Amino acid sequence: MPVEVVAFDGDDTLWHSETHFTVTHERFCELLAGHADPAELSERMLATERRNLEIFGYGVKGYTLSMIETAIEVSGGSVTAADIQVLLEAGKEMLRHPTELLDDVRLVVEQVSLSHRVVLVTKGDLFHQEAKLAASGLGELFDRIEIVSEKDERTYKRVVDDLGVAPDRFLMVGNSLRSDVLPVVAIGGRAVHVPYVVDWAHEVVDEADLPAEGWWRLDSLAGLADLLARLG
């Protein structure tokens, strides 16, 4: 069936995000180098983030609180107030960082909008996601904007129902296999995976667990229009 609605992810699909986390994580490891090596710090930090997701949700604010919690744990409570202040400032810098679009994003969204309904489905902190969308200049291109706390089957079913579209006419475009591909295909929709230069470990899935059909991988968004044409 031809695609009727094309949904785009925000972070690391339309604008850069994870690279900012990577830079901040490197600073975090440098700050706590006297307490643990980078590999252990990364493992402890990821465990803290996963544990806190159901409390803080996704985004920079939860990430910053998880950095502070991890710093307290790995230092045995000896981390200084000055070090905690450094981590707080690092989080604020991420929140203030300008929104930087990936290559050809506006052109692609405009092109797709000529033949399809286009929506934004992105997860994270509501305030920060709204700020990034406003700064991106892309807001007026979308027929609908969904900022969600989680991207799972339940969320996508609600979005599809609200849009009044059959699942097999809904196509999700994003950089995360876990969030943008697996749950969409599971409800009968279709998906396009556009890898980003770096993935958050929480979003990584085993390729062997991926469905055999119902999704495609593109090197960049530039190939999306051609794929949609092939689909009908």
Protein backbone atom coordinates (compact mmCIF):
# COMPACT_ATOMS: atom_id res chain seq x y z
CA MET A 1 0.00 0.00 0.00
CA PRO A 2 1.26 3.54 -0.70
CA VAL A 3 2.46 5.59 2.26
CA GLU A 4 0.10 8.34 3.38
CA VAL A 5 1.88 9.73 6.46
CA VAL A 6 5.63 10.17 6.91
CA ALA A 7 6.76 10.73 10.49
CA PHE A 8 10.19 12.10 11.32
CA ASP A 9 12.15 11.66 14.51
CA GLY A 10 13.85 14.81 15.85
CA ASP A 11 17.12 14.16 17.72
CA ASP A 12 19.89 12.80 15.45
CA THR A 13 17.48 12.53 12.51
CA LEU A 14 16.67 16.18 11.85
CA TRP A 15 19.15 17.88 14.20
CA HIS A 16 22.34 16.87 16.02
CA SER A 17 22.00 15.67 19.60
CA GLU A 18 24.02 12.60 20.64
CA THR A 19 27.36 14.19 19.74
CA HIS A 20 26.68 16.80 22.46
CA PHE A 21 26.15 14.00 24.98
CA THR A 22 29.39 12.37 23.83
CA VAL A 23 31.41 15.55 24.45
CA THR A 24 29.83 16.00 27.89
CA HIS A 25 30.48 12.36 28.77
CA GLU A 26 34.15 12.80 27.95
CA ARG A 27 34.29 15.75 30.35
CA PHE A 28 32.50 13.65 32.97
CA CYS A 29 35.12 10.90 32.63
CA GLU A 30 37.97 13.40 32.90
CA LEU A 31 36.45 14.91 36.04
CA LEU A 32 36.15 11.52 37.74
CA ALA A 33 39.35 9.97 36.39
CA GLY A 34 40.72 9.63 39.91
CA HIS A 35 37.85 7.34 40.93
CA ALA A 36 37.38 4.98 37.97
CA ASP A 37 38.61 4.37 34.44
CA PRO A 38 36.50 5.52 31.44
CA ALA A 39 35.13 2.05 30.72
CA GLU A 40 33.83 1.59 34.27
CA LEU A 41 32.44 5.13 34.35
CA SER A 42 30.60 4.55 31.09
CA GLU A 43 29.12 1.31 32.39
CA ARG A 44 28.07 2.85 35.70
CA MET A 45 26.62 5.91 33.99
CA LEU A 46 24.56 3.84 31.55
CA ALA A 47 23.21 1.71 34.39
CA THR A 48 22.20 4.86 36.29
CA GLU A 49 20.52 6.36 33.22
CA ARG A 50 18.52 3.20 32.58
CA ARG A 51 17.49 3.02 36.23
CA ASN A 52 16.34 6.64 36.16
CA LEU A 53 14.45 6.64 32.86
CA GLU A 54 11.12 5.80 34.49
CA ILE A 55 11.66 8.66 36.97
CA PHE A 56 13.28 11.43 34.92
CA GLY A 57 12.46 10.34 31.38
CA TYR A 58 14.70 11.10 28.41
CA GLY A 59 16.70 14.26 27.85
CA VAL A 60 19.47 16.47 29.14
CA LYS A 61 17.91 17.17 32.53
CA GLY A 62 17.65 13.50 33.45
CA TYR A 63 21.12 12.90 32.01
CA THR A 64 22.58 15.66 34.20
CA LEU A 65 20.98 14.25 37.34
CA SER A 66 22.28 10.81 36.41
CA MET A 67 25.81 12.21 36.03
CA ILE A 68 25.63 13.69 39.52
CA GLU A 69 24.24 10.47 41.00
CA THR A 70 26.95 8.40 39.32
CA ALA A 71 29.65 10.80 40.50
CA ILE A 72 28.46 10.45 44.09
CA GLU A 73 28.38 6.66 43.82
CA VAL A 74 31.76 6.09 42.19
CA SER A 75 33.48 8.54 44.52
CA GLY A 76 31.95 7.01 47.61
CA GLY A 77 30.34 10.34 48.40
CA SER A 78 33.58 12.29 48.30
CA VAL A 79 32.83 14.24 45.11
CA THR A 80 33.11 17.94 45.87
CA ALA A 81 30.47 20.61 45.53
CA ALA A 82 32.74 22.26 42.97
CA ASP A 83 32.74 19.08 40.85
CA ILE A 84 28.96 18.83 41.07
CA GLN A 85 28.77 22.45 39.94
CA VAL A 86 30.91 21.56 36.92
CA LEU A 87 28.45 18.80 36.00
CA LEU A 88 25.47 21.12 36.43
CA GLU A 89 27.09 23.70 34.16
CA ALA A 90 27.83 21.01 31.57
CA GLY A 91 24.15 20.13 31.53
CA LYS A 92 23.14 23.77 31.16
CA GLU A 93 25.58 24.17 28.27
CA MET A 94 23.86 21.27 26.49
CA LEU A 95 20.46 22.88 27.01
CA ARG A 96 21.74 26.18 25.64
CA HIS A 97 23.49 24.62 22.65
CA PRO A 98 22.18 25.91 19.29
CA THR A 99 20.02 23.56 17.24
CA GLU A 100 22.09 22.34 14.29
CA LEU A 101 20.25 20.68 11.41
CA LEU A 102 21.71 17.68 9.62
CA ASP A 103 22.52 18.04 5.92
CA ASP A 104 19.59 18.53 3.53
CA VAL A 105 16.97 18.22 6.27
CA ARG A 106 14.78 21.15 5.34
CA LEU A 107 14.92 20.30 1.64
CA VAL A 108 13.91 16.69 2.32
CA VAL A 109 11.01 17.55 4.64
CA GLU A 110 9.72 20.16 2.18
CA GLN A 111 9.99 17.69 -0.70
CA VAL A 112 8.15 14.93 1.17
CA SER A 113 5.43 17.36 2.33
CA LEU A 114 4.45 17.99 -1.29
CA SER A 115 3.13 14.44 -1.63
CA HIS A 116 2.54 13.20 1.93
CA ARG A 117 1.28 14.32 5.29
CA VAL A 118 4.36 14.87 7.45
CA VAL A 119 4.46 14.73 11.23
CA LEU A 120 7.14 14.97 13.89
CA VAL A 121 7.30 12.21 16.50
CA THR A 122 10.14 12.83 18.92
CA LYS A 123 10.74 11.87 22.54
CA GLY A 124 12.37 13.69 25.42
CA ASP A 125 11.88 16.64 27.71
CA LEU A 126 8.88 18.67 26.48
CA PHE A 127 10.40 22.09 27.14
CA HIS A 128 13.74 21.27 25.50
CA GLN A 129 12.19 19.53 22.50
CA GLU A 130 9.85 22.47 21.92
CA ALA A 131 12.82 24.84 22.13
CA LYS A 132 14.85 22.80 19.63
CA LEU A 133 11.92 22.57 17.23
CA ALA A 134 11.36 26.34 17.41
CA ALA A 135 15.05 27.01 16.81
CA SER A 136 15.13 24.56 13.89
CA GLY A 137 12.72 26.63 11.81
CA LEU A 138 10.98 23.43 10.69
CA GLY A 139 7.82 23.69 12.77
CA GLU A 140 5.56 25.06 10.05
CA LEU A 141 6.37 22.13 7.76
CA PHE A 142 4.65 19.54 9.97
CA ASP A 143 0.95 18.76 9.92
CA ARG A 144 1.20 17.45 13.47
CA ILE A 145 3.80 17.47 16.24
CA GLU A 146 4.02 14.71 18.84
CA ILE A 147 6.53 15.06 21.69
CA VAL A 148 6.27 11.82 23.65
CA SER A 149 7.82 10.38 26.79
CA GLU A 150 8.46 6.98 25.19
CA LYS A 151 8.40 5.46 21.73
CA ASP A 152 6.80 2.07 22.11
CA GLU A 153 3.98 0.15 20.45
CA ARG A 154 1.37 1.79 22.64
CA THR A 155 2.54 5.28 21.69
CA TYR A 156 2.65 4.54 17.98
CA LYS A 157 -0.80 2.94 18.06
CA ARG A 158 -2.17 6.11 19.64
CA VAL A 159 -0.41 8.33 17.10
CA VAL A 160 -1.67 6.28 14.16
CA ASP A 161 -5.21 6.25 15.54
CA ASP A 162 -5.16 10.01 16.15
CA LEU A 163 -3.96 10.57 12.59
CA GLY A 164 -6.79 8.41 11.25
CA VAL A 165 -4.42 6.38 9.10
CA ALA A 166 -3.98 2.64 8.68
CA PRO A 167 -0.68 1.39 10.16
CA ASP A 168 0.56 0.11 6.80
CA ARG A 169 0.21 3.64 5.39
CA PHE A 170 2.37 5.10 8.18
CA LEU A 171 6.16 5.37 7.71
CA MET A 172 8.49 6.35 10.55
CA VAL A 173 11.91 7.82 9.73
CA GLY A 174 14.58 7.89 12.42
CA ASN A 175 18.06 6.99 13.59
CA SER A 176 17.10 4.53 16.35
CA LEU A 177 16.36 0.88 15.63
CA ARG A 178 14.91 0.46 19.12
CA SER A 179 12.65 3.52 19.04
CA ASP A 180 11.94 4.25 15.38
CA VAL A 181 11.90 0.82 13.73
CA LEU A 182 11.01 -2.11 16.01
CA PRO A 183 7.79 -0.77 17.61
CA VAL A 184 6.51 0.67 14.33
CA VAL A 185 6.96 -2.55 12.37
CA ALA A 186 5.43 -4.46 15.30
CA ILE A 187 2.11 -2.60 14.91
CA GLY A 188 2.04 -3.13 11.14
CA GLY A 189 3.64 0.15 10.12
CA ARG A 190 6.77 0.73 8.07
CA ALA A 191 10.04 2.38 8.99
CA VAL A 192 13.24 3.83 7.59
CA HIS A 193 16.46 3.68 9.58
CA VAL A 194 18.92 6.50 8.88
CA PRO A 195 21.98 5.81 11.08
CA TYR A 196 23.63 8.68 12.95
CA VAL A 197 27.39 8.93 13.46
CA VAL A 198 27.09 7.71 17.07
CA ASP A 199 24.41 5.81 18.96
CA TRP A 200 23.46 5.98 22.62
CA ALA A 201 24.11 2.49 24.02
CA HIS A 202 20.55 2.27 25.34
CA GLU A 203 19.18 2.52 21.78
CA VAL A 204 21.41 -0.19 20.30
CA VAL A 205 19.77 -3.52 19.43
CA ASP A 206 21.12 -6.76 18.01
CA GLU A 207 20.71 -6.85 14.25
CA ALA A 208 19.58 -10.47 14.60
CA ASP A 209 16.49 -9.22 16.45
CA LEU A 210 15.35 -7.01 13.58
CA PRO A 211 12.32 -7.96 11.48
CA ALA A 212 12.95 -9.44 8.06
CA GLU A 213 10.74 -6.92 6.27
CA GLY A 214 8.76 -3.74 6.75
CA TRP A 215 11.75 -1.44 7.10
CA TRP A 216 14.62 -0.01 5.06
CA ARG A 217 18.01 1.54 5.79
CA LEU A 218 19.27 4.68 4.06
CA ASP A 219 22.68 6.29 4.32
CA SER A 220 21.06 9.71 4.56
CA LEU A 221 17.70 11.45 4.34
CA ALA A 222 18.56 12.47 0.78
CA GLY A 223 17.38 9.04 -0.44
CA LEU A 224 13.95 9.23 1.20
CA ALA A 225 12.01 10.72 -1.71
CA ASP A 226 13.21 8.00 -4.09
CA LEU A 227 12.25 5.29 -1.58
CA LEU A 228 8.76 6.76 -1.16
CA ALA A 229 8.36 6.82 -4.93
CA ARG A 230 9.26 3.12 -5.10
CA LEU A 231 6.73 2.36 -2.36
CA GLY A 232 3.94 3.74 -4.39
